[in-house]
């Protein structure tokens, strides 16, 4: 009977969709979507608030694109988002501006997204991984790692692709 129960729970294999579900809802064959997309979710986390900020910034990008540049969505942007000029205007990576002292451009690209596809894939992976990392590492370490990675990624992009925004 123990073997039958183990098979019903996914055979002890943590990669099985039934998995070793230790929640109160042990009768469910598949985990709740919220447990898959945002494990260890909490509103009182860095990941939650940076996600909200990124969504606000993306909406701002579209509004700036519409009212300043004349189009929220650029036809040449295959990601479904604003133009390169809008991203540059909002603080995207632009090597010449960084060389002229606009060092905030090392961090602001972490908040900007090139389009709907870009923000969707980033936020899904950020929430799937980020809540668990923050749960294990704590707010301060997650904050530090997040922005150190943002700085490093922008620096690498400046060296590897200096003419891209």
N, C-alpha and C. Protein backbone atom coordinates (compact mmCIF):
# COMPACT_ATOMS: atom_id res chain seq x y z
N UNK A 1 0.82 -1.19 0.00
CA UNK A 1 0.00 0.00 0.00
C UNK A 1 0.88 1.27 0.00
N UNK A 2 2.01 1.26 0.71
CA UNK A 2 2.91 2.40 0.69
C UNK A 2 3.43 2.67 -0.71
N UNK A 3 3.74 1.60 -1.44
CA UNK A 3 4.24 1.76 -2.80
C UNK A 3 3.17 2.39 -3.69
N UNK A 4 1.90 1.98 -3.50
CA UNK A 4 0.80 2.55 -4.27
C UNK A 4 0.64 4.03 -3.95
N UNK A 5 0.74 4.40 -2.67
CA UNK A 5 0.63 5.81 -2.29
C UNK A 5 1.77 6.63 -2.88
N UNK A 6 2.98 6.06 -2.87
CA UNK A 6 4.13 6.77 -3.43
C UNK A 6 3.95 6.97 -4.93
N UNK A 7 3.44 5.98 -5.64
CA UNK A 7 3.19 6.13 -7.08
C UNK A 7 2.12 7.17 -7.35
N UNK A 8 1.12 7.23 -6.50
CA UNK A 8 0.05 8.23 -6.66
C UNK A 8 0.59 9.65 -6.47
N UNK A 9 1.61 9.78 -5.65
CA UNK A 9 2.18 11.10 -5.40
C UNK A 9 3.30 11.45 -6.37
N UNK A 10 3.55 10.63 -7.35
CA UNK A 10 4.60 10.92 -8.32
C UNK A 10 5.79 10.00 -8.16
N UNK A 11 5.63 8.94 -7.39
CA UNK A 11 6.69 7.97 -7.25
C UNK A 11 7.92 8.49 -6.53
N UNK A 12 7.77 9.52 -5.74
CA UNK A 12 8.92 10.08 -5.05
C UNK A 12 9.79 10.93 -5.94
N UNK A 13 9.42 11.08 -7.18
CA UNK A 13 10.18 11.87 -8.15
C UNK A 13 9.75 13.33 -8.03
N UNK A 14 10.68 14.20 -7.64
CA UNK A 14 10.32 15.60 -7.45
C UNK A 14 9.99 16.30 -8.76
N UNK A 15 10.34 15.67 -9.88
CA UNK A 15 10.07 16.27 -11.18
C UNK A 15 8.72 15.86 -11.75
N UNK A 16 8.05 14.91 -11.11
CA UNK A 16 6.73 14.50 -11.58
C UNK A 16 5.72 15.59 -11.26
N UNK A 17 4.74 15.77 -12.14
CA UNK A 17 3.77 16.84 -11.93
C UNK A 17 2.96 16.63 -10.66
N UNK A 18 2.68 15.40 -10.27
CA UNK A 18 1.98 15.16 -9.03
C UNK A 18 2.85 15.50 -7.85
N UNK A 19 4.13 15.24 -8.00
CA UNK A 19 5.15 15.64 -7.04
C UNK A 19 4.89 15.18 -5.63
N UNK A 20 5.71 15.58 -4.74
CA UNK A 20 5.51 15.34 -3.31
C UNK A 20 4.84 16.56 -2.74
N UNK A 21 3.54 16.65 -2.93
CA UNK A 21 2.77 17.81 -2.53
C UNK A 21 2.47 17.72 -1.05
N UNK A 22 3.10 18.55 -0.25
CA UNK A 22 2.89 18.52 1.20
C UNK A 22 1.87 19.54 1.66
N UNK A 23 1.11 20.12 0.76
CA UNK A 23 0.09 21.09 1.12
C UNK A 23 -1.10 20.39 1.75
N UNK A 24 -2.05 21.18 2.22
CA UNK A 24 -3.28 20.61 2.78
C UNK A 24 -4.10 19.91 1.71
N UNK A 25 -3.89 20.28 0.45
CA UNK A 25 -4.67 19.72 -0.67
C UNK A 25 -3.94 18.53 -1.28
N UNK A 26 -3.63 17.50 -0.49
CA UNK A 26 -2.89 16.35 -0.99
C UNK A 26 -3.65 15.54 -2.02
N UNK A 27 -4.93 15.80 -2.18
CA UNK A 27 -5.72 15.04 -3.14
C UNK A 27 -5.57 15.56 -4.56
N UNK A 28 -4.96 16.73 -4.74
CA UNK A 28 -4.80 17.28 -6.07
C UNK A 28 -3.67 16.57 -6.80
N UNK A 29 -3.90 16.25 -8.06
CA UNK A 29 -2.88 15.58 -8.86
C UNK A 29 -1.82 16.57 -9.32
N UNK A 30 -2.23 17.79 -9.64
CA UNK A 30 -1.30 18.80 -10.14
C UNK A 30 -1.23 19.96 -9.15
N UNK A 31 -0.06 20.57 -9.02
CA UNK A 31 0.05 21.70 -8.09
C UNK A 31 -0.72 22.91 -8.59
N UNK A 32 -1.09 23.78 -7.66
CA UNK A 32 -1.77 25.01 -8.04
C UNK A 32 -0.84 25.83 -8.92
N UNK A 33 -1.42 26.56 -9.87
CA UNK A 33 -0.62 27.39 -10.77
C UNK A 33 0.19 28.42 -10.00
N UNK A 34 -0.36 28.96 -8.94
CA UNK A 34 0.37 29.95 -8.13
C UNK A 34 1.61 29.33 -7.48
N UNK A 35 1.56 28.04 -7.17
CA UNK A 35 2.72 27.37 -6.58
C UNK A 35 3.81 27.13 -7.63
N UNK A 36 3.43 27.07 -8.89
CA UNK A 36 4.40 26.87 -9.97
C UNK A 36 4.99 28.21 -10.42
N UNK A 37 4.12 29.20 -10.64
CA UNK A 37 4.58 30.49 -11.16
C UNK A 37 5.21 31.38 -10.11
N UNK A 38 4.79 31.27 -8.88
CA UNK A 38 5.33 32.14 -7.83
C UNK A 38 5.45 31.38 -6.52
N UNK A 39 6.35 30.38 -6.48
CA UNK A 39 6.51 29.66 -5.22
C UNK A 39 7.07 30.59 -4.15
N UNK A 40 6.63 30.42 -2.93
CA UNK A 40 7.04 31.27 -1.80
C UNK A 40 6.62 32.72 -1.97
N UNK A 41 5.52 32.95 -2.70
CA UNK A 41 5.02 34.30 -2.95
C UNK A 41 4.72 35.01 -1.64
N UNK A 42 5.07 36.29 -1.62
CA UNK A 42 4.71 37.18 -0.51
C UNK A 42 4.75 38.60 -1.04
N UNK A 43 3.78 39.42 -0.59
CA UNK A 43 3.78 40.83 -0.98
C UNK A 43 4.89 41.61 -0.29
N UNK A 44 5.38 41.09 0.78
CA UNK A 44 6.40 41.78 1.56
C UNK A 44 7.80 41.33 1.14
N UNK A 45 8.06 41.37 -0.19
CA UNK A 45 9.35 40.95 -0.71
C UNK A 45 9.86 41.94 -1.74
N UNK A 46 11.16 41.92 -1.92
CA UNK A 46 11.78 42.73 -2.97
C UNK A 46 11.25 42.34 -4.34
N UNK A 47 11.14 41.04 -4.60
CA UNK A 47 10.70 40.56 -5.92
C UNK A 47 9.30 41.08 -6.24
N UNK A 48 8.40 41.07 -5.28
CA UNK A 48 7.05 41.58 -5.52
C UNK A 48 7.10 43.05 -5.93
N UNK A 49 7.83 43.86 -5.16
CA UNK A 49 7.84 45.31 -5.42
C UNK A 49 8.63 45.68 -6.66
N UNK A 50 9.69 44.96 -6.99
CA UNK A 50 10.42 45.25 -8.23
C UNK A 50 9.58 44.84 -9.43
N UNK A 51 8.79 43.79 -9.29
CA UNK A 51 7.89 43.37 -10.37
C UNK A 51 6.83 44.44 -10.62
N UNK A 52 6.24 44.96 -9.56
CA UNK A 52 5.24 46.03 -9.69
C UNK A 52 5.88 47.25 -10.34
N UNK A 53 7.09 47.61 -9.89
CA UNK A 53 7.79 48.76 -10.46
C UNK A 53 8.07 48.56 -11.95
N UNK A 54 8.48 47.37 -12.35
CA UNK A 54 8.75 47.10 -13.76
C UNK A 54 7.49 47.21 -14.61
N UNK A 55 6.37 46.78 -14.09
CA UNK A 55 5.11 46.91 -14.83
C UNK A 55 4.74 48.38 -14.99
N UNK A 56 4.90 49.16 -13.93
CA UNK A 56 4.62 50.60 -13.99
C UNK A 56 5.54 51.28 -14.99
N UNK A 57 6.82 50.94 -14.96
CA UNK A 57 7.78 51.54 -15.89
C UNK A 57 7.42 51.16 -17.32
N UNK A 58 7.01 49.91 -17.56
CA UNK A 58 6.65 49.51 -18.93
C UNK A 58 5.43 50.29 -19.43
N UNK A 59 4.44 50.46 -18.58
CA UNK A 59 3.27 51.26 -18.96
C UNK A 59 3.71 52.70 -19.26
N UNK A 60 4.64 53.20 -18.45
CA UNK A 60 5.19 54.55 -18.69
C UNK A 60 5.92 54.61 -20.03
N UNK A 61 6.65 53.57 -20.36
CA UNK A 61 7.33 53.51 -21.66
C UNK A 61 6.33 53.66 -22.80
N UNK A 62 5.22 52.93 -22.70
CA UNK A 62 4.21 53.00 -23.75
C UNK A 62 3.58 54.38 -23.82
N UNK A 63 3.32 54.98 -22.66
CA UNK A 63 2.74 56.33 -22.65
C UNK A 63 3.71 57.37 -23.20
N UNK A 64 4.97 57.27 -22.81
CA UNK A 64 5.98 58.19 -23.34
C UNK A 64 6.12 57.97 -24.84
N UNK A 65 6.13 56.73 -25.26
CA UNK A 65 6.21 56.43 -26.69
C UNK A 65 5.06 57.05 -27.46
N UNK A 66 3.87 56.99 -26.88
CA UNK A 66 2.68 57.53 -27.55
C UNK A 66 2.69 59.05 -27.57
N UNK A 67 2.94 59.65 -26.44
CA UNK A 67 2.77 61.11 -26.33
C UNK A 67 4.02 61.92 -26.67
N UNK A 68 5.20 61.32 -26.56
CA UNK A 68 6.43 62.05 -26.88
C UNK A 68 6.94 61.67 -28.26
N UNK A 69 6.90 60.38 -28.57
CA UNK A 69 7.44 59.90 -29.85
C UNK A 69 6.36 59.68 -30.91
N UNK A 70 5.10 59.69 -30.53
CA UNK A 70 4.02 59.56 -31.50
C UNK A 70 3.51 58.16 -31.73
N UNK A 71 4.09 57.15 -31.07
CA UNK A 71 3.60 55.77 -31.22
C UNK A 71 4.04 54.95 -30.01
N UNK A 72 3.08 54.33 -29.34
CA UNK A 72 3.41 53.48 -28.20
C UNK A 72 4.13 52.23 -28.66
N UNK A 73 3.71 51.70 -29.80
CA UNK A 73 4.30 50.49 -30.35
C UNK A 73 4.99 50.82 -31.67
N UNK A 74 6.26 50.42 -31.75
CA UNK A 74 7.04 50.66 -32.96
C UNK A 74 6.90 49.45 -33.87
N UNK A 75 6.61 49.69 -35.15
CA UNK A 75 6.41 48.58 -36.09
C UNK A 75 7.66 47.73 -36.27
N UNK A 76 8.82 48.32 -36.14
CA UNK A 76 10.06 47.55 -36.33
C UNK A 76 10.47 46.78 -35.07
N UNK A 77 9.76 46.99 -33.97
CA UNK A 77 10.07 46.28 -32.73
C UNK A 77 9.31 44.96 -32.70
N UNK A 78 10.03 43.87 -32.92
CA UNK A 78 9.40 42.54 -32.98
C UNK A 78 8.95 42.03 -31.62
N UNK A 79 9.32 42.71 -30.55
CA UNK A 79 8.90 42.32 -29.20
C UNK A 79 7.56 42.94 -28.83
N UNK A 80 7.04 43.81 -29.66
CA UNK A 80 5.76 44.45 -29.37
C UNK A 80 5.89 45.54 -28.33
N UNK A 81 6.74 46.52 -28.62
CA UNK A 81 6.95 47.58 -27.65
C UNK A 81 7.37 48.88 -28.29
N UNK A 82 7.90 49.78 -27.48
CA UNK A 82 8.25 51.12 -27.94
C UNK A 82 9.51 51.14 -28.80
N UNK A 83 9.79 52.30 -29.35
CA UNK A 83 10.96 52.46 -30.21
C UNK A 83 12.23 52.56 -29.39
N UNK A 84 13.34 52.39 -30.08
CA UNK A 84 14.66 52.55 -29.46
C UNK A 84 14.81 53.96 -28.90
N UNK A 85 14.26 54.94 -29.58
CA UNK A 85 14.35 56.33 -29.13
C UNK A 85 13.62 56.53 -27.80
N UNK A 86 12.50 55.85 -27.63
CA UNK A 86 11.77 55.93 -26.36
C UNK A 86 12.60 55.31 -25.24
N UNK A 87 13.20 54.15 -25.52
CA UNK A 87 14.03 53.50 -24.51
C UNK A 87 15.24 54.36 -24.14
N UNK A 88 15.84 54.99 -25.14
CA UNK A 88 16.98 55.88 -24.87
C UNK A 88 16.51 57.07 -24.04
N UNK A 89 15.38 57.63 -24.38
CA UNK A 89 14.82 58.77 -23.66
C UNK A 89 14.55 58.42 -22.19
N UNK A 90 14.15 57.18 -21.95
CA UNK A 90 13.79 56.76 -20.59
C UNK A 90 14.96 56.20 -19.79
N UNK A 91 16.15 56.24 -20.33
CA UNK A 91 17.32 55.82 -19.56
C UNK A 91 17.93 54.50 -19.96
N UNK A 92 17.60 54.03 -21.15
CA UNK A 92 18.19 52.79 -21.63
C UNK A 92 19.69 52.91 -21.82
N UNK A 93 20.33 51.76 -21.97
CA UNK A 93 21.78 51.75 -22.15
C UNK A 93 22.15 52.44 -23.46
N UNK A 94 22.94 53.48 -23.35
CA UNK A 94 23.45 54.20 -24.51
C UNK A 94 24.86 54.63 -24.14
N UNK A 95 25.84 53.98 -24.74
CA UNK A 95 27.23 54.12 -24.32
C UNK A 95 27.68 55.57 -24.31
N UNK A 96 27.34 56.32 -25.33
CA UNK A 96 27.77 57.72 -25.40
C UNK A 96 27.26 58.52 -24.20
N UNK A 97 26.02 58.28 -23.81
CA UNK A 97 25.47 58.98 -22.64
C UNK A 97 26.18 58.57 -21.35
N UNK A 98 26.49 57.27 -21.23
CA UNK A 98 27.21 56.79 -20.04
C UNK A 98 28.60 57.43 -19.98
N UNK A 99 29.27 57.51 -21.12
CA UNK A 99 30.59 58.13 -21.18
C UNK A 99 30.53 59.62 -20.83
N UNK A 100 29.38 60.23 -21.05
CA UNK A 100 29.20 61.65 -20.71
C UNK A 100 28.71 61.86 -19.28
N UNK A 101 28.76 60.82 -18.45
CA UNK A 101 28.45 60.97 -17.04
C UNK A 101 27.08 60.48 -16.60
N UNK A 102 26.26 59.99 -17.49
CA UNK A 102 24.93 59.50 -17.09
C UNK A 102 25.03 58.06 -16.59
N UNK A 103 25.67 57.90 -15.44
CA UNK A 103 25.96 56.56 -14.91
C UNK A 103 24.70 55.83 -14.40
N UNK A 104 23.62 56.54 -14.19
CA UNK A 104 22.36 55.88 -13.82
C UNK A 104 21.93 54.89 -14.89
N UNK A 105 22.43 55.06 -16.11
CA UNK A 105 22.09 54.16 -17.21
C UNK A 105 22.67 52.76 -17.04
N UNK A 106 23.50 52.56 -16.03
CA UNK A 106 23.96 51.20 -15.71
C UNK A 106 22.86 50.42 -14.99
N UNK A 107 21.92 51.11 -14.33
CA UNK A 107 20.88 50.44 -13.54
C UNK A 107 19.51 50.51 -14.20
N UNK A 108 19.17 51.64 -14.82
CA UNK A 108 17.82 51.80 -15.37
C UNK A 108 17.43 50.75 -16.42
N UNK A 109 18.36 50.18 -17.19
CA UNK A 109 17.92 49.14 -18.12
C UNK A 109 17.28 47.92 -17.45
N UNK A 110 17.57 47.71 -16.16
CA UNK A 110 16.95 46.59 -15.44
C UNK A 110 15.45 46.80 -15.26
N UNK A 111 15.01 48.04 -15.36
CA UNK A 111 13.60 48.36 -15.19
C UNK A 111 12.87 48.51 -16.52
N UNK A 112 13.63 48.69 -17.60
CA UNK A 112 13.04 48.90 -18.92
C UNK A 112 12.89 47.58 -19.66
N UNK A 113 11.88 47.52 -20.52
CA UNK A 113 11.66 46.32 -21.33
C UNK A 113 11.33 46.73 -22.76
N UNK A 114 11.85 45.95 -23.69
CA UNK A 114 11.72 46.29 -25.11
C UNK A 114 10.34 46.02 -25.67
N UNK A 115 9.52 45.26 -24.96
CA UNK A 115 8.18 44.98 -25.46
C UNK A 115 7.43 44.02 -24.57
N UNK A 116 6.23 43.68 -25.02
CA UNK A 116 5.34 42.80 -24.26
C UNK A 116 5.97 41.42 -24.08
N UNK A 117 6.57 40.88 -25.13
CA UNK A 117 7.20 39.56 -25.04
C UNK A 117 8.35 39.60 -24.03
N UNK A 118 9.15 40.65 -24.10
CA UNK A 118 10.30 40.80 -23.21
C UNK A 118 9.86 40.88 -21.75
N UNK A 119 8.91 41.73 -21.43
CA UNK A 119 8.49 41.88 -20.03
C UNK A 119 7.79 40.62 -19.53
N UNK A 120 7.00 39.98 -20.39
CA UNK A 120 6.31 38.76 -19.98
C UNK A 120 7.30 37.66 -19.61
N UNK A 121 8.26 37.39 -20.49
CA UNK A 121 9.22 36.31 -20.20
C UNK A 121 10.09 36.65 -19.00
N UNK A 122 10.50 37.91 -18.87
CA UNK A 122 11.32 38.30 -17.72
C UNK A 122 10.56 38.16 -16.40
N UNK A 123 9.32 38.63 -16.38
CA UNK A 123 8.56 38.59 -15.13
C UNK A 123 8.18 37.17 -14.74
N UNK A 124 7.88 36.32 -15.72
CA UNK A 124 7.57 34.92 -15.39
C UNK A 124 8.80 34.26 -14.76
N UNK A 125 9.95 34.40 -15.40
CA UNK A 125 11.15 33.76 -14.84
C UNK A 125 11.56 34.42 -13.53
N UNK A 126 11.40 35.74 -13.43
CA UNK A 126 11.75 36.45 -12.20
C UNK A 126 10.91 35.97 -11.03
N UNK A 127 9.62 35.77 -11.24
CA UNK A 127 8.77 35.32 -10.13
C UNK A 127 8.96 33.84 -9.85
N UNK A 128 9.16 33.03 -10.88
CA UNK A 128 9.35 31.60 -10.66
C UNK A 128 10.62 31.32 -9.85
N UNK A 129 11.65 32.10 -10.09
CA UNK A 129 12.94 31.87 -9.42
C UNK A 129 13.12 32.83 -8.24
N UNK A 130 12.74 34.08 -8.42
CA UNK A 130 13.07 35.13 -7.47
C UNK A 130 12.48 34.96 -6.08
N UNK A 131 11.21 34.56 -5.98
CA UNK A 131 10.60 34.42 -4.66
C UNK A 131 11.33 33.36 -3.83
N UNK A 132 11.70 32.26 -4.45
CA UNK A 132 12.41 31.21 -3.73
C UNK A 132 13.81 31.67 -3.33
N UNK A 133 14.50 32.35 -4.25
CA UNK A 133 15.83 32.88 -3.92
C UNK A 133 15.74 33.85 -2.76
N UNK A 134 14.77 34.75 -2.81
CA UNK A 134 14.64 35.73 -1.73
C UNK A 134 14.24 35.05 -0.42
N UNK A 135 13.40 34.04 -0.49
CA UNK A 135 13.01 33.28 0.70
C UNK A 135 14.24 32.66 1.36
N UNK A 136 15.14 32.13 0.54
CA UNK A 136 16.34 31.47 1.05
C UNK A 136 17.45 32.45 1.44
N UNK A 137 17.59 33.54 0.71
CA UNK A 137 18.72 34.45 0.91
C UNK A 137 18.38 35.70 1.71
N UNK A 138 17.13 36.10 1.73
CA UNK A 138 16.73 37.30 2.44
C UNK A 138 16.67 38.52 1.52
N UNK A 139 16.00 39.55 2.03
CA UNK A 139 15.76 40.77 1.24
C UNK A 139 17.06 41.46 0.82
N UNK A 140 17.95 41.70 1.77
CA UNK A 140 19.17 42.47 1.48
C UNK A 140 20.05 41.78 0.45
N UNK A 141 20.25 40.49 0.60
CA UNK A 141 21.09 39.76 -0.35
C UNK A 141 20.44 39.74 -1.74
N UNK A 142 19.11 39.53 -1.78
CA UNK A 142 18.42 39.51 -3.08
C UNK A 142 18.51 40.87 -3.75
N UNK A 143 18.31 41.94 -2.99
CA UNK A 143 18.43 43.31 -3.50
C UNK A 143 19.82 43.53 -4.08
N UNK A 144 20.83 43.15 -3.33
CA UNK A 144 22.22 43.35 -3.75
C UNK A 144 22.55 42.54 -5.00
N UNK A 145 22.16 41.29 -5.02
CA UNK A 145 22.43 40.43 -6.18
C UNK A 145 21.69 40.96 -7.41
N UNK A 146 20.46 41.38 -7.23
CA UNK A 146 19.65 41.86 -8.35
C UNK A 146 20.31 43.06 -9.03
N UNK A 147 20.70 44.06 -8.24
CA UNK A 147 21.26 45.27 -8.84
C UNK A 147 22.72 45.10 -9.25
N UNK A 148 23.47 44.22 -8.59
CA UNK A 148 24.83 43.92 -9.05
C UNK A 148 24.77 43.22 -10.40
N UNK A 149 23.80 42.33 -10.56
CA UNK A 149 23.61 41.65 -11.84
C UNK A 149 23.18 42.64 -12.92
N UNK A 150 22.30 43.56 -12.57
CA UNK A 150 21.85 44.58 -13.53
C UNK A 150 23.04 45.42 -13.99
N UNK A 151 23.87 45.85 -13.05
CA UNK A 151 25.05 46.65 -13.39
C UNK A 151 25.99 45.84 -14.28
N UNK A 152 26.27 44.60 -13.89
CA UNK A 152 27.17 43.74 -14.67
C UNK A 152 26.66 43.45 -16.06
N UNK A 153 25.36 43.22 -16.18
CA UNK A 153 24.77 42.94 -17.50
C UNK A 153 24.86 44.16 -18.41
N UNK A 154 24.62 45.34 -17.86
CA UNK A 154 24.73 46.56 -18.66
C UNK A 154 26.18 46.81 -19.06
N UNK A 155 27.11 46.59 -18.15
CA UNK A 155 28.53 46.75 -18.45
C UNK A 155 28.95 45.79 -19.57
N UNK A 156 28.55 44.54 -19.46
CA UNK A 156 28.87 43.56 -20.50
C UNK A 156 28.24 43.94 -21.83
N UNK A 157 27.02 44.45 -21.79
CA UNK A 157 26.36 44.90 -23.02
C UNK A 157 27.08 46.10 -23.64
N UNK A 158 27.58 46.98 -22.80
CA UNK A 158 28.34 48.13 -23.31
C UNK A 158 29.60 47.68 -24.05
N UNK A 159 30.23 46.64 -23.56
CA UNK A 159 31.45 46.13 -24.18
C UNK A 159 31.12 45.27 -25.41
N UNK A 160 30.15 44.38 -25.26
CA UNK A 160 29.84 43.43 -26.33
C UNK A 160 28.97 43.98 -27.44
N UNK A 161 28.05 44.87 -27.12
CA UNK A 161 27.14 45.44 -28.11
C UNK A 161 26.98 46.93 -27.85
N UNK A 162 28.03 47.70 -28.07
CA UNK A 162 28.02 49.12 -27.70
C UNK A 162 27.04 49.98 -28.48
N UNK A 163 26.57 49.53 -29.63
CA UNK A 163 25.68 50.37 -30.43
C UNK A 163 24.20 50.04 -30.24
N UNK A 164 23.91 49.04 -29.42
CA UNK A 164 22.52 48.70 -29.10
C UNK A 164 22.07 49.48 -27.87
N UNK A 165 20.76 49.68 -27.77
CA UNK A 165 20.22 50.34 -26.57
C UNK A 165 19.77 49.25 -25.61
